[in-house]
Amino acid sequence: MREGIHPKFKQVIFLDASVGFSFLSASTRSSSELMEWEDGQTYPVIRVDSSSASHPFYTGRQKHTETGGRVDKFNQRLSAQKERKNAHQ
């Protein structure tokens, strides 16, 4: 590996301010905003829009819309055409 071309990993706090959830992880990103973690040390803070604590997929608040697949849509069109054809006879 060439020296000096890889970014440095450091510990940062990812903060989802919408629900107050945070976790400590390694990242190449940094920030000028600092926050003290549970271990008493201070780390840079990266604010995120959503996390597993707020994303609808993980919280179970996601709306599932049941839409038919291509085959179902084709069968619906086919049956509608047959009904129209039988109605004209």
PDB file of N, CA and C in Angstrom:
ATOM      1  N   MET A   1       0.830  -1.174   0.000  1.00  0.00           N
ATOM      2  CA  MET A   1       0.000   0.000   0.000  1.00  0.00           C
ATOM      3  C   MET A   1       0.881   1.246   0.000  1.00  0.00           C
ATOM      4  N   ARG A   2       0.434   2.232  -0.732  1.00  0.00           N
ATOM      5  CA  ARG A   2       1.161   3.501  -0.739  1.00  0.00           C
ATOM      6  C   ARG A   2       0.895   4.243   0.554  1.00  0.00           C
ATOM      7  N   GLU A   3       1.890   4.928   1.023  1.00  0.00           N
ATOM      8  CA  GLU A   3       1.781   5.698   2.261  1.00  0.00           C
ATOM      9  C   GLU A   3       1.112   7.048   1.997  1.00  0.00           C
ATOM     10  N   GLY A   4       0.322   7.506   2.932  1.00  0.00           N
ATOM     11  CA  GLY A   4      -0.211   8.851   2.907  1.00  0.00           C
ATOM     12  C   GLY A   4      -1.396   9.104   1.987  1.00  0.00           C
ATOM     13  N   ILE A   5      -2.002   8.084   1.388  1.00  0.00           N
ATOM     14  CA  ILE A   5      -3.139   8.321   0.486  1.00  0.00           C
ATOM     15  C   ILE A   5      -4.472   7.901   1.096  1.00  0.00           C
ATOM     16  N   HIS A   6      -4.437   7.219   2.214  1.00  0.00           N
ATOM     17  CA  HIS A   6      -5.667   6.714   2.823  1.00  0.00           C
ATOM     18  C   HIS A   6      -6.140   7.657   3.924  1.00  0.00           C
ATOM     19  N   PRO A   7      -7.445   7.903   4.008  1.00  0.00           N
ATOM     20  CA  PRO A   7      -7.950   8.780   5.069  1.00  0.00           C
ATOM     21  C   PRO A   7      -7.800   8.122   6.436  1.00  0.00           C
ATOM     22  N   LYS A   8      -7.675   8.939   7.436  1.00  0.00           N
ATOM     23  CA  LYS A   8      -7.503   8.443   8.813  1.00  0.00           C
ATOM     24  C   LYS A   8      -8.880   8.235   9.450  1.00  0.00           C
ATOM     25  N   PHE A   9      -9.057   7.073  10.050  1.00  0.00           N
ATOM     26  CA  PHE A   9     -10.282   6.786  10.795  1.00  0.00           C
ATOM     27  C   PHE A   9     -10.126   7.308  12.210  1.00  0.00           C
ATOM     28  N   LYS A  10     -11.187   7.906  12.721  1.00  0.00           N
ATOM     29  CA  LYS A  10     -11.185   8.368  14.101  1.00  0.00           C
ATOM     30  C   LYS A  10     -12.580   8.152  14.678  1.00  0.00           C
ATOM     31  N   GLN A  11     -12.678   8.140  15.979  1.00  0.00           N
ATOM     32  CA  GLN A  11     -13.959   7.953  16.645  1.00  0.00           C
ATOM     33  C   GLN A  11     -14.770   9.238  16.539  1.00  0.00           C
ATOM     34  N   VAL A  12     -16.050   9.118  16.178  1.00  0.00           N
ATOM     35  CA  VAL A  12     -16.976  10.252  16.115  1.00  0.00           C
ATOM     36  C   VAL A  12     -18.319   9.808  16.691  1.00  0.00           C
ATOM     37  N   ILE A  13     -19.102  10.783  17.107  1.00  0.00           N
ATOM     38  CA  ILE A  13     -20.452  10.518  17.599  1.00  0.00           C
ATOM     39  C   ILE A  13     -21.427  10.889  16.495  1.00  0.00           C
ATOM     40  N   PHE A  14     -22.271   9.948  16.100  1.00  0.00           N
ATOM     41  CA  PHE A  14     -23.344  10.225  15.146  1.00  0.00           C
ATOM     42  C   PHE A  14     -24.586  10.553  15.965  1.00  0.00           C
ATOM     43  N   LEU A  15     -25.179  11.713  15.692  1.00  0.00           N
ATOM     44  CA  LEU A  15     -26.303  12.193  16.484  1.00  0.00           C
ATOM     45  C   LEU A  15     -27.524  12.410  15.609  1.00  0.00           C
ATOM     46  N   ASP A  16     -28.609  11.713  15.942  1.00  0.00           N
ATOM     47  CA  ASP A  16     -29.907  11.925  15.301  1.00  0.00           C
ATOM     48  C   ASP A  16     -30.700  12.809  16.257  1.00  0.00           C
ATOM     49  N   ALA A  17     -30.643  14.115  16.025  1.00  0.00           N
ATOM     50  CA  ALA A  17     -31.240  15.079  16.947  1.00  0.00           C
ATOM     51  C   ALA A  17     -32.764  15.021  16.956  1.00  0.00           C
ATOM     52  N   SER A  18     -33.385  14.459  15.919  1.00  0.00           N
ATOM     53  CA  SER A  18     -34.844  14.410  15.878  1.00  0.00           C
ATOM     54  C   SER A  18     -35.420  13.536  16.986  1.00  0.00           C
ATOM     55  N   VAL A  19     -34.645  12.527  17.430  1.00  0.00           N
ATOM     56  CA  VAL A  19     -35.113  11.656  18.512  1.00  0.00           C
ATOM     57  C   VAL A  19     -34.129  11.599  19.673  1.00  0.00           C
ATOM     58  N   GLY A  20     -33.011  12.315  19.565  1.00  0.00           N
ATOM     59  CA  GLY A  20     -32.026  12.330  20.636  1.00  0.00           C
ATOM     60  C   GLY A  20     -31.204  11.064  20.738  1.00  0.00           C
ATOM     61  N   PHE A  21     -31.089  10.316  19.664  1.00  0.00           N
ATOM     62  CA  PHE A  21     -30.338   9.065  19.646  1.00  0.00           C
ATOM     63  C   PHE A  21     -28.929   9.332  19.136  1.00  0.00           C
ATOM     64  N   SER A  22     -27.924   8.761  19.787  1.00  0.00           N
ATOM     65  CA  SER A  22     -26.548   8.921  19.336  1.00  0.00           C
ATOM     66  C   SER A  22     -25.800   7.613  19.528  1.00  0.00           C
ATOM     67  N   PHE A  23     -24.770   7.437  18.708  1.00  0.00           N
ATOM     68  CA  PHE A  23     -23.914   6.269  18.850  1.00  0.00           C
ATOM     69  C   PHE A  23     -22.502   6.629  18.441  1.00  0.00           C
ATOM     70  N   LEU A  24     -21.544   5.928  19.000  1.00  0.00           N
ATOM     71  CA  LEU A  24     -20.131   6.165  18.750  1.00  0.00           C
ATOM     72  C   LEU A  24     -19.646   5.164  17.725  1.00  0.00           C
ATOM     73  N   SER A  25     -18.940   5.656  16.707  1.00  0.00           N
ATOM     74  CA  SER A  25     -18.429   4.785  15.661  1.00  0.00           C
ATOM     75  C   SER A  25     -17.187   5.421  15.058  1.00  0.00           C
ATOM     76  N   ALA A  26     -16.490   4.674  14.238  1.00  0.00           N
ATOM     77  CA  ALA A  26     -15.313   5.194  13.542  1.00  0.00           C
ATOM     78  C   ALA A  26     -15.735   5.748  12.188  1.00  0.00           C
ATOM     79  N   SER A  27     -15.109   6.842  11.783  1.00  0.00           N
ATOM     80  CA  SER A  27     -15.437   7.463  10.510  1.00  0.00           C
ATOM     81  C   SER A  27     -14.237   8.270  10.018  1.00  0.00           C
ATOM     82  N   THR A  28     -14.236   8.553   8.721  1.00  0.00           N
ATOM     83  CA  THR A  28     -13.217   9.437   8.159  1.00  0.00           C
ATOM     84  C   THR A  28     -13.678  10.884   8.209  1.00  0.00           C
ATOM     85  N   ARG A  29     -14.972  11.112   8.454  1.00  0.00           N
ATOM     86  CA  ARG A  29     -15.501  12.473   8.560  1.00  0.00           C
ATOM     87  C   ARG A  29     -15.168  13.056   9.917  1.00  0.00           C
ATOM     88  N   SER A  30     -15.170  14.361   9.967  1.00  0.00           N
ATOM     89  CA  SER A  30     -14.907  15.055  11.214  1.00  0.00           C
ATOM     90  C   SER A  30     -15.810  16.271  11.293  1.00  0.00           C
ATOM     91  N   SER A  31     -15.800  16.924  12.433  1.00  0.00           N
ATOM     92  CA  SER A  31     -16.651  18.084  12.645  1.00  0.00           C
ATOM     93  C   SER A  31     -15.993  18.981  13.679  1.00  0.00           C
ATOM     94  N   SER A  32     -16.333  20.269  13.626  1.00  0.00           N
ATOM     95  CA  SER A  32     -15.812  21.185  14.635  1.00  0.00           C
ATOM     96  C   SER A  32     -16.669  21.137  15.903  1.00  0.00           C
ATOM     97  N   GLU A  33     -17.882  20.591  15.803  1.00  0.00           N
ATOM     98  CA  GLU A  33     -18.758  20.449  16.964  1.00  0.00           C
ATOM     99  C   GLU A  33     -18.283  19.260  17.796  1.00  0.00           C
ATOM    100  N   LEU A  34     -18.128  19.459  19.086  1.00  0.00           N
ATOM    101  CA  LEU A  34     -17.645  18.404  19.970  1.00  0.00           C
ATOM    102  C   LEU A  34     -18.690  18.075  21.020  1.00  0.00           C
ATOM    103  N   MET A  35     -18.632  16.830  21.517  1.00  0.00           N
ATOM    104  CA  MET A  35     -19.584  16.377  22.521  1.00  0.00           C
ATOM    105  C   MET A  35     -18.896  15.346  23.407  1.00  0.00           C
ATOM    106  N   GLU A  36     -19.245  15.356  24.677  1.00  0.00           N
ATOM    107  CA  GLU A  36     -18.667  14.372  25.593  1.00  0.00           C
ATOM    108  C   GLU A  36     -19.494  13.096  25.535  1.00  0.00           C
ATOM    109  N   TRP A  37     -18.814  11.958  25.432  1.00  0.00           N
ATOM    110  CA  TRP A  37     -19.465  10.658  25.355  1.00  0.00           C
ATOM    111  C   TRP A  37     -19.526  10.035  26.746  1.00  0.00           C
ATOM    112  N   GLU A  38     -20.180   8.906  26.870  1.00  0.00           N
ATOM    113  CA  GLU A  38     -20.390   8.213  28.136  1.00  0.00           C
ATOM    114  C   GLU A  38     -19.089   7.808  28.824  1.00  0.00           C
ATOM    115  N   ASP A  39     -18.019   7.650  28.043  1.00  0.00           N
ATOM    116  CA  ASP A  39     -16.736   7.248  28.617  1.00  0.00           C
ATOM    117  C   ASP A  39     -15.938   8.435  29.163  1.00  0.00           C
ATOM    118  N   GLY A  40     -16.509   9.648  29.072  1.00  0.00           N
ATOM    119  CA  GLY A  40     -15.859  10.832  29.601  1.00  0.00           C
ATOM    120  C   GLY A  40     -14.967  11.562  28.612  1.00  0.00           C
ATOM    121  N   GLN A  41     -14.752  10.973  27.435  1.00  0.00           N
ATOM    122  CA  GLN A  41     -13.914  11.608  26.421  1.00  0.00           C
ATOM    123  C   GLN A  41     -14.766  12.454  25.488  1.00  0.00           C
ATOM    124  N   THR A  42     -14.124  13.427  24.830  1.00  0.00           N
ATOM    125  CA  THR A  42     -14.806  14.321  23.908  1.00  0.00           C
ATOM    126  C   THR A  42     -14.510  13.895  22.481  1.00  0.00           C
ATOM    127  N   TYR A  43     -15.579  13.817  21.647  1.00  0.00           N
ATOM    128  CA  TYR A  43     -15.458  13.377  20.259  1.00  0.00           C
ATOM    129  C   TYR A  43     -16.171  14.366  19.341  1.00  0.00           C
ATOM    130  N   PRO A  44     -15.775  14.427  18.056  1.00  0.00           N
ATOM    131  CA  PRO A  44     -16.515  15.243  17.089  1.00  0.00           C
ATOM    132  C   PRO A  44     -17.919  14.669  16.894  1.00  0.00           C
ATOM    133  N   VAL A  45     -18.885  15.540  16.563  1.00  0.00           N
ATOM    134  CA  VAL A  45     -20.274  15.126  16.380  1.00  0.00           C
ATOM    135  C   VAL A  45     -20.665  15.286  14.916  1.00  0.00           C
ATOM    136  N   ILE A  46     -21.225  14.230  14.334  1.00  0.00           N
ATOM    137  CA  ILE A  46     -21.773  14.256  12.980  1.00  0.00           C
ATOM    138  C   ILE A  46     -23.287  14.132  13.125  1.00  0.00           C
ATOM    139  N   ARG A  47     -24.015  15.154  12.685  1.00  0.00           N
ATOM    140  CA  ARG A  47     -25.480  15.125  12.766  1.00  0.00           C
ATOM    141  C   ARG A  47     -26.033  14.394  11.542  1.00  0.00           C
ATOM    142  N   VAL A  48     -26.979  13.488  11.777  1.00  0.00           N
ATOM    143  CA  VAL A  48     -27.598  12.720  10.692  1.00  0.00           C
ATOM    144  C   VAL A  48     -29.097  12.997  10.674  1.00  0.00           C
ATOM    145  N   ASP A  49     -29.702  12.854   9.482  1.00  0.00           N
ATOM    146  CA  ASP A  49     -31.136  13.105   9.329  1.00  0.00           C
ATOM    147  C   ASP A  49     -31.994  11.996   9.914  1.00  0.00           C
ATOM    148  N   SER A  50     -31.530  10.768   9.780  1.00  0.00           N
ATOM    149  CA  SER A  50     -32.302   9.653  10.324  1.00  0.00           C
ATOM    150  C   SER A  50     -31.348   8.556  10.770  1.00  0.00           C
ATOM    151  N   SER A  51     -31.825   7.749  11.682  1.00  0.00           N
ATOM    152  CA  SER A  51     -31.061   6.615  12.192  1.00  0.00           C
ATOM    153  C   SER A  51     -32.028   5.462  12.403  1.00  0.00           C
ATOM    154  N   SER A  52     -31.531   4.381  12.952  1.00  0.00           N
ATOM    155  CA  SER A  52     -32.413   3.244  13.210  1.00  0.00           C
ATOM    156  C   SER A  52     -33.474   3.587  14.254  1.00  0.00           C
ATOM    157  N   ALA A  53     -33.249   4.638  15.030  1.00  0.00           N
ATOM    158  CA  ALA A  53     -34.227   5.038  16.042  1.00  0.00           C
ATOM    159  C   ALA A  53     -35.356   5.887  15.467  1.00  0.00           C
ATOM    160  N   SER A  54     -35.142   6.482  14.275  1.00  0.00           N
ATOM    161  CA  SER A  54     -36.173   7.362  13.722  1.00  0.00           C
ATOM    162  C   SER A  54     -36.665   6.971  12.335  1.00  0.00           C
ATOM    163  N   HIS A  55     -35.960   6.079  11.649  1.00  0.00           N
ATOM    164  CA  HIS A  55     -36.365   5.715  10.290  1.00  0.00           C
ATOM    165  C   HIS A  55     -37.607   4.821  10.328  1.00  0.00           C
ATOM    166  N   PRO A  56     -38.619   5.121   9.510  1.00  0.00           N
ATOM    167  CA  PRO A  56     -39.872   4.353   9.537  1.00  0.00           C
ATOM    168  C   PRO A  56     -39.702   2.854   9.304  1.00  0.00           C
ATOM    169  N   PHE A  57     -38.716   2.450   8.530  1.00  0.00           N
ATOM    170  CA  PHE A  57     -38.518   1.024   8.276  1.00  0.00           C
ATOM    171  C   PHE A  57     -38.162   0.292   9.569  1.00  0.00           C
ATOM    172  N   TYR A  58     -37.308   0.883  10.379  1.00  0.00           N
ATOM    173  CA  TYR A  58     -36.863   0.234  11.612  1.00  0.00           C
ATOM    174  C   TYR A  58     -37.831   0.416  12.769  1.00  0.00           C
ATOM    175  N   THR A  59     -38.612   1.481  12.756  1.00  0.00           N
ATOM    176  CA  THR A  59     -39.529   1.732  13.863  1.00  0.00           C
ATOM    177  C   THR A  59     -40.883   1.065  13.664  1.00  0.00           C
ATOM    178  N   GLY A  60     -41.149   0.547  12.463  1.00  0.00           N
ATOM    179  CA  GLY A  60     -42.418  -0.117  12.199  1.00  0.00           C
ATOM    180  C   GLY A  60     -43.527   0.830  11.792  1.00  0.00           C
ATOM    181  N   ARG A  61     -43.225   2.084  11.554  1.00  0.00           N
ATOM    182  CA  ARG A  61     -44.239   3.060  11.158  1.00  0.00           C
ATOM    183  C   ARG A  61     -44.321   3.216   9.644  1.00  0.00           C
ATOM    184  N   GLN A  62     -43.623   2.357   8.919  1.00  0.00           N
ATOM    185  CA  GLN A  62     -43.639   2.448   7.467  1.00  0.00           C
ATOM    186  C   GLN A  62     -44.978   1.962   6.939  1.00  0.00           C
ATOM    187  N   LYS A  63     -45.518   2.693   5.984  1.00  0.00           N
ATOM    188  CA  LYS A  63     -46.785   2.313   5.384  1.00  0.00           C
ATOM    189  C   LYS A  63     -46.502   1.360   4.225  1.00  0.00           C
ATOM    190  N   HIS A  64     -47.168   0.236   4.257  1.00  0.00           N
ATOM    191  CA  HIS A  64     -47.016  -0.747   3.192  1.00  0.00           C
ATOM    192  C   HIS A  64     -48.215  -0.633   2.259  1.00  0.00           C
ATOM    193  N   THR A  65     -47.953  -0.303   1.043  1.00  0.00           N
ATOM    194  CA  THR A  65     -49.038  -0.241   0.067  1.00  0.00           C
ATOM    195  C   THR A  65     -48.961  -1.499  -0.772  1.00  0.00           C
ATOM    196  N   GLU A  66     -50.022  -2.233  -0.756  1.00  0.00           N
ATOM    197  CA  GLU A  66     -50.074  -3.466  -1.520  1.00  0.00           C
ATOM    198  C   GLU A  66     -50.512  -3.147  -2.944  1.00  0.00           C
ATOM    199  N   THR A  67     -49.580  -3.160  -3.827  1.00  0.00           N
ATOM    200  CA  THR A  67     -49.895  -2.943  -5.230  1.00  0.00           C
ATOM    201  C   THR A  67     -49.545  -4.213  -5.976  1.00  0.00           C
ATOM    202  N   GLY A  68     -50.390  -4.534  -6.916  1.00  0.00           N
ATOM    203  CA  GLY A  68     -50.171  -5.737  -7.681  1.00  0.00           C
ATOM    204  C   GLY A  68     -48.946  -5.627  -8.564  1.00  0.00           C
ATOM    205  N   GLY A  69     -48.395  -6.766  -8.871  1.00  0.00           N
ATOM    206  CA  GLY A  69     -47.241  -6.801  -9.748  1.00  0.00           C
ATOM    207  C   GLY A  69     -47.660  -6.689 -11.198  1.00  0.00           C
ATOM    208  N   ARG A  70     -46.722  -6.891 -12.076  1.00  0.00           N
ATOM    209  CA  ARG A  70     -46.987  -6.774 -13.515  1.00  0.00           C
ATOM    210  C   ARG A  70     -48.003  -7.798 -13.994  1.00  0.00           C
ATOM    211  N   VAL A  71     -47.901  -9.010 -13.472  1.00  0.00           N
ATOM    212  CA  VAL A  71     -48.818 -10.068 -13.906  1.00  0.00           C
ATOM    213  C   VAL A  71     -50.239  -9.730 -13.485  1.00  0.00           C
ATOM    214  N   ASP A  72     -50.413  -9.251 -12.251  1.00  0.00           N
ATOM    215  CA  ASP A  72     -51.745  -8.876 -11.772  1.00  0.00           C
ATOM    216  C   ASP A  72     -52.339  -7.748 -12.612  1.00  0.00           C
ATOM    217  N   LYS A  73     -51.530  -6.753 -12.923  1.00  0.00           N
ATOM    218  CA  LYS A  73     -52.015  -5.639 -13.737  1.00  0.00           C
ATOM    219  C   LYS A  73     -52.407  -6.120 -15.132  1.00  0.00           C
ATOM    220  N   PHE A  74     -51.601  -7.028 -15.690  1.00  0.00           N
ATOM    221  CA  PHE A  74     -51.928  -7.570 -17.007  1.00  0.00           C
ATOM    222  C   PHE A  74     -53.248  -8.329 -16.959  1.00  0.00           C
ATOM    223  N   ASN A  75     -53.421  -9.160 -15.930  1.00  0.00           N
ATOM    224  CA  ASN A  75     -54.660  -9.938 -15.814  1.00  0.00           C
ATOM    225  C   ASN A  75     -55.872  -9.029 -15.636  1.00  0.00           C
ATOM    226  N   GLN A  76     -55.718  -7.926 -14.910  1.00  0.00           N
ATOM    227  CA  GLN A  76     -56.822  -6.984 -14.755  1.00  0.00           C
ATOM    228  C   GLN A  76     -57.188  -6.342 -16.086  1.00  0.00           C
ATOM    229  N   ARG A  77     -56.189  -5.942 -16.856  1.00  0.00           N
ATOM    230  CA  ARG A  77     -56.464  -5.345 -18.173  1.00  0.00           C
ATOM    231  C   ARG A  77     -57.120  -6.363 -19.093  1.00  0.00           C
ATOM    232  N   LEU A  78     -56.639  -7.602 -19.060  1.00  0.00           N
ATOM    233  CA  LEU A  78     -57.177  -8.647 -19.911  1.00  0.00           C
ATOM    234  C   LEU A  78     -58.634  -8.939 -19.566  1.00  0.00           C
ATOM    235  N   SER A  79     -58.947  -9.024 -18.278  1.00  0.00           N
ATOM    236  CA  SER A  79     -60.331  -9.301 -17.897  1.00  0.00           C
ATOM    237  C   SER A  79     -61.235  -8.117 -18.249  1.00  0.00           C
ATOM    238  N   ALA A  80     -60.737  -6.896 -18.141  1.00  0.00           N
ATOM    239  CA  ALA A  80     -61.525  -5.726 -18.513  1.00  0.00           C
ATOM    240  C   ALA A  80     -61.808  -5.730 -20.015  1.00  0.00           C
ATOM    241  N   GLN A  81     -60.839  -6.122 -20.823  1.00  0.00           N
ATOM    242  CA  GLN A  81     -61.038  -6.194 -22.277  1.00  0.00           C
ATOM    243  C   GLN A  81     -62.067  -7.266 -22.618  1.00  0.00           C
ATOM    244  N   LYS A  82     -62.011  -8.398 -21.941  1.00  0.00           N
ATOM    245  CA  LYS A  82     -62.980  -9.473 -22.195  1.00  0.00           C
ATOM    246  C   LYS A  82     -64.390  -9.043 -21.821  1.00  0.00           C
ATOM    247  N   GLU A  83     -64.518  -8.306 -20.715  1.00  0.00           N
ATOM    248  CA  GLU A  83     -65.837  -7.826 -20.294  1.00  0.00           C
ATOM    249  C   GLU A  83     -66.403  -6.853 -21.313  1.00  0.00           C
ATOM    250  N   ARG A  84     -65.564  -5.959 -21.834  1.00  0.00           N
ATOM    251  CA  ARG A  84     -66.023  -5.004 -22.838  1.00  0.00           C
ATOM    252  C   ARG A  84     -66.416  -5.729 -24.127  1.00  0.00           C
ATOM    253  N   LYS A  85     -65.658  -6.728 -24.476  1.00  0.00           N
ATOM    254  CA  LYS A  85     -65.952  -7.493 -25.692  1.00  0.00           C
ATOM    255  C   LYS A  85     -67.282  -8.243 -25.525  1.00  0.00           C
ATOM    256  N   ASN A  86     -67.497  -8.851 -24.373  1.00  0.00           N
ATOM    257  CA  ASN A  86     -68.758  -9.591 -24.125  1.00  0.00           C
ATOM    258  C   ASN A  86     -69.938  -8.634 -24.029  1.00  0.00           C
ATOM    259  N   ALA A  87     -69.729  -7.434 -23.568  1.00  0.00           N
ATOM    260  CA  ALA A  87     -70.813  -6.452 -23.441  1.00  0.00           C
ATOM    261  C   ALA A  87     -71.279  -5.980 -24.825  1.00  0.00           C
ATOM    262  N   HIS A  88     -70.410  -5.949 -25.834  1.00  0.00           N
ATOM    263  CA  HIS A  88     -70.756  -5.502 -27.182  1.00  0.00           C
ATOM    264  C   HIS A  88     -71.407  -6.591 -28.009  1.00  0.00           C
ATOM    265  N   GLN A  89     -71.391  -7.811 -27.555  1.00  0.00           N
ATOM    266  CA  GLN A  89     -71.951  -8.904 -28.361  1.00  0.00           C
ATOM    267  C   GLN A  89     -73.403  -9.097 -28.118  1.00  0.00           C
TER     268      GLN A  89
END
